[in-house]
C-alpha atoms as a PDB file:
ATOM      1  CA  UNK A   1      44.978-109.848 -74.812  1.00  0.00           C
ATOM      2  CA  UNK A   2      45.993-107.224 -77.693  1.00  0.00           C
ATOM      3  CA  UNK A   3      47.617-108.826 -80.842  1.00  0.00           C
ATOM      4  CA  UNK A   4      49.990-105.931 -82.569  1.00  0.00           C
ATOM      5  CA  UNK A   5      51.859-105.879 -85.924  1.00  0.00           C
ATOM      6  CA  UNK A   6      54.893-104.796 -85.680  1.00  0.00           C
ATOM      7  CA  UNK A   7      57.368-104.504 -89.307  1.00  0.00           C
ATOM      8  CA  UNK A   8      60.145-102.667 -90.474  1.00  0.00           C
ATOM      9  CA  UNK A   9      60.796-100.398 -93.677  1.00  0.00           C
ATOM     10  CA  UNK A  10      63.840 -98.836 -95.385  1.00  0.00           C
ATOM     11  CA  UNK A  11      64.132 -95.194 -96.545  1.00  0.00           C
ATOM     12  CA  UNK A  12      66.507 -94.486 -98.577  1.00  0.00           C
ATOM     13  CA  UNK A  13      67.882 -90.398 -98.288  1.00  0.00           C
ATOM     14  CA  UNK A  14      68.830 -90.207-102.131  1.00  0.00           C
ATOM     15  CA  UNK A  15      70.993 -86.974-101.934  1.00  0.00           C
ATOM     16  CA  UNK A  16      73.585 -86.424 -99.863  1.00  0.00           C
ATOM     17  CA  UNK A  17      73.497 -83.482 -97.764  1.00  0.00           C
ATOM     18  CA  UNK A  18      75.952 -81.213 -98.372  1.00  0.00           C
ATOM     19  CA  UNK A  19      76.606 -78.295-101.619  1.00  0.00           C
ATOM     20  CA  UNK A  20      72.612 -77.373-102.172  1.00  0.00           C
ATOM     21  CA  UNK A  21      71.302 -80.008-100.086  1.00  0.00           C
ATOM     22  CA  UNK A  22      69.739 -80.064 -96.683  1.00  0.00           C
ATOM     23  CA  UNK A  23      68.555 -81.864 -94.104  1.00  0.00           C
ATOM     24  CA  UNK A  24      64.904 -82.364 -93.589  1.00  0.00           C
ATOM     25  CA  UNK A  25      62.696 -84.377 -91.041  1.00  0.00           C
ATOM     26  CA  UNK A  26      60.254 -86.922 -92.538  1.00  0.00           C
ATOM     27  CA  UNK A  27      57.109 -88.055 -90.192  1.00  0.00           C
ATOM     28  CA  UNK A  28      56.025 -91.529 -91.215  1.00  0.00           C
ATOM     29  CA  UNK A  29      52.702 -92.898 -90.693  1.00  0.00           C
ATOM     30  CA  UNK A  30      50.228 -95.710 -92.117  1.00  0.00           C
ATOM     31  CA  UNK A  31      46.423 -94.161 -93.142  1.00  0.00           C
ATOM     32  CA  UNK A  32      43.236 -96.134 -94.542  1.00  0.00           C
ATOM     33  CA  UNK A  33      41.424 -94.933 -97.822  1.00  0.00           C
ATOM     34  CA  UNK A  34      39.615 -92.530 -95.751  1.00  0.00           C
ATOM     35  CA  UNK A  35      42.737 -91.121 -94.172  1.00  0.00           C
ATOM     36  CA  UNK A  36      42.033 -92.601 -90.465  1.00  0.00           C
ATOM     37  CA  UNK A  37      45.639 -92.757 -88.687  1.00  0.00           C
ATOM     38  CA  UNK A  38      46.240 -96.476 -88.426  1.00  0.00           C
ATOM     39  CA  UNK A  39      49.959 -96.665 -87.103  1.00  0.00           C
ATOM     40  CA  UNK A  40      51.781 -94.934 -84.957  1.00  0.00           C
ATOM     41  CA  UNK A  41      54.338 -92.217 -86.044  1.00  0.00           C
ATOM     42  CA  UNK A  42      58.157 -92.417 -86.902  1.00  0.00           C
ATOM     43  CA  UNK A  43      60.389 -89.888 -87.311  1.00  0.00           C
ATOM     44  CA  UNK A  44      62.971 -89.757 -89.946  1.00  0.00           C
ATOM     45  CA  UNK A  45      66.163 -87.038 -89.760  1.00  0.00           C
ATOM     46  CA  UNK A  46      67.409 -87.117 -93.537  1.00  0.00           C
ATOM     47  CA  UNK A  47      70.794 -85.227 -92.808  1.00  0.00           C
ATOM     48  CA  UNK A  48      73.225 -88.451 -94.067  1.00  0.00           C
ATOM     49  CA  UNK A  49      76.414 -86.546 -95.995  1.00  0.00           C
ATOM     50  CA  UNK A  50      77.967 -89.981 -96.467  1.00  0.00           C
ATOM     51  CA  UNK A  51      78.322 -90.422-100.766  1.00  0.00           C
ATOM     52  CA  UNK A  52      77.768 -94.203 -99.379  1.00  0.00           C
ATOM     53  CA  UNK A  53      74.558 -95.005-100.021  1.00  0.00           C
ATOM     54  CA  UNK A  54      74.517 -97.698 -97.883  1.00  0.00           C
ATOM     55  CA  UNK A  55      75.003 -94.832 -95.193  1.00  0.00           C
ATOM     56  CA  UNK A  56      72.112 -92.847 -95.841  1.00  0.00           C
ATOM     57  CA  UNK A  57      69.712 -95.706 -95.294  1.00  0.00           C
ATOM     58  CA  UNK A  58      66.888 -95.504 -92.529  1.00  0.00           C
ATOM     59  CA  UNK A  59      65.311 -98.426 -91.422  1.00  0.00           C
ATOM     60  CA  UNK A  60      61.481 -97.417 -89.093  1.00  0.00           C
ATOM     61  CA  UNK A  61      59.460 -99.600 -87.134  1.00  0.00           C
ATOM     62  CA  UNK A  62      56.205 -99.859 -87.206  1.00  0.00           C
ATOM     63  CA  UNK A  63      53.301-100.778 -84.991  1.00  0.00           C
ATOM     64  CA  UNK A  64      49.534-101.092 -86.594  1.00  0.00           C
ATOM     65  CA  UNK A  65      46.747-100.507 -84.302  1.00  0.00           C
ATOM     66  CA  UNK A  66      44.816-103.405 -83.270  1.00  0.00           C
ATOM     67  CA  UNK A  67      41.816-103.379 -86.054  1.00  0.00           C
ATOM     68  CA  UNK A  68      40.722-106.159 -88.636  1.00  0.00           C
ATOM     69  CA  UNK A  69      42.453-105.568 -91.829  1.00  0.00           C
ATOM     70  CA  UNK A  70      41.618-106.955 -95.026  1.00  0.00           C
ATOM     71  CA  UNK A  71      44.367-107.651 -97.777  1.00  0.00           C
ATOM     72  CA  UNK A  72      41.825-106.481-100.556  1.00  0.00           C
ATOM     73  CA  UNK A  73      41.689-102.236 -99.003  1.00  0.00           C
ATOM     74  CA  UNK A  74      44.099-100.119-100.735  1.00  0.00           C
ATOM     75  CA  UNK A  75      46.468 -98.303 -97.688  1.00  0.00           C
ATOM     76  CA  UNK A  76      48.832 -95.858 -97.990  1.00  0.00           C
ATOM     77  CA  UNK A  77      52.326 -94.513 -95.939  1.00  0.00           C
ATOM     78  CA  UNK A  78      52.587 -91.038 -96.003  1.00  0.00           C
ATOM     79  CA  UNK A  79      55.106 -89.422 -95.820  1.00  0.00           C
ATOM     80  CA  UNK A  80      55.361 -85.976 -94.558  1.00  0.00           C
ATOM     81  CA  UNK A  81      57.744 -82.578 -93.564  1.00  0.00           C
ATOM     82  CA  UNK A  82      58.080 -81.476 -89.839  1.00  0.00           C
ATOM     83  CA  UNK A  83      55.035 -78.820 -90.366  1.00  0.00           C
ATOM     84  CA  UNK A  84      53.177 -81.673 -91.157  1.00  0.00           C
ATOM     85  CA  UNK A  85      52.812 -80.963 -95.130  1.00  0.00           C
ATOM     86  CA  UNK A  86      52.085 -83.998 -96.539  1.00  0.00           C
ATOM     87  CA  UNK A  87      55.098 -84.925 -99.994  1.00  0.00           C
ATOM     88  CA  UNK A  88      54.708 -88.045-100.563  1.00  0.00           C
ATOM     89  CA  UNK A  89      51.942 -90.772-100.506  1.00  0.00           C
ATOM     90  CA  UNK A  90      52.722 -94.780-101.221  1.00  0.00           C
ATOM     91  CA  UNK A  91      49.567 -97.239-101.381  1.00  0.00           C
ATOM     92  CA  UNK A  92      50.132-100.292 -99.462  1.00  0.00           C
ATOM     93  CA  UNK A  93      48.650-103.951 -99.208  1.00  0.00           C
ATOM     94  CA  UNK A  94      48.110-105.255 -95.804  1.00  0.00           C
ATOM     95  CA  UNK A  95      47.756-108.696 -95.608  1.00  0.00           C
ATOM     96  CA  UNK A  96      47.661-110.423 -91.764  1.00  0.00           C
ATOM     97  CA  UNK A  97      47.518-114.046 -91.411  1.00  0.00           C
ATOM     98  CA  UNK A  98      44.788-113.964 -89.004  1.00  0.00           C
ATOM     99  CA  UNK A  99      42.491-110.937 -87.812  1.00  0.00           C
ATOM    100  CA  UNK A 100      42.632-109.410 -84.291  1.00  0.00           C
ATOM    101  CA  UNK A 101      39.767-111.189 -82.322  1.00  0.00           C
ATOM    102  CA  UNK A 102      39.655-114.379 -84.844  1.00  0.00           C
ATOM    103  CA  UNK A 103      41.300-117.036 -82.404  1.00  0.00           C
ATOM    104  CA  UNK A 104      40.152-117.547 -78.810  1.00  0.00           C
ATOM    105  CA  UNK A 105      43.019-118.922 -77.831  1.00  0.00           C
ATOM    106  CA  UNK A 106      42.195-118.761 -73.794  1.00  0.00           C
ATOM    107  CA  UNK A 107      38.466-119.461 -74.474  1.00  0.00           C
END
């Protein structure tokens, strides 16, 4: 049995595209403290032109790899441009109710 950890985050496009603001494409994923990727990679195309901030919100769902996670370790959300250049890194804690292989449901 493989347990998957899915969760979603909302992202906000600060400025509307137009004038001197161009659309941008970003890749988002999670890493551990050593830089190893621990989730799938999601893509946001920040191309919203609306002046309404609610219409410039993106919801991304992430799937963590089936690993053991510690709520005392630091993990990172990486936001990279379309060329893979990291533009932002945010610290995250991962607290999963039970770890992979901790329970044997079919034993």
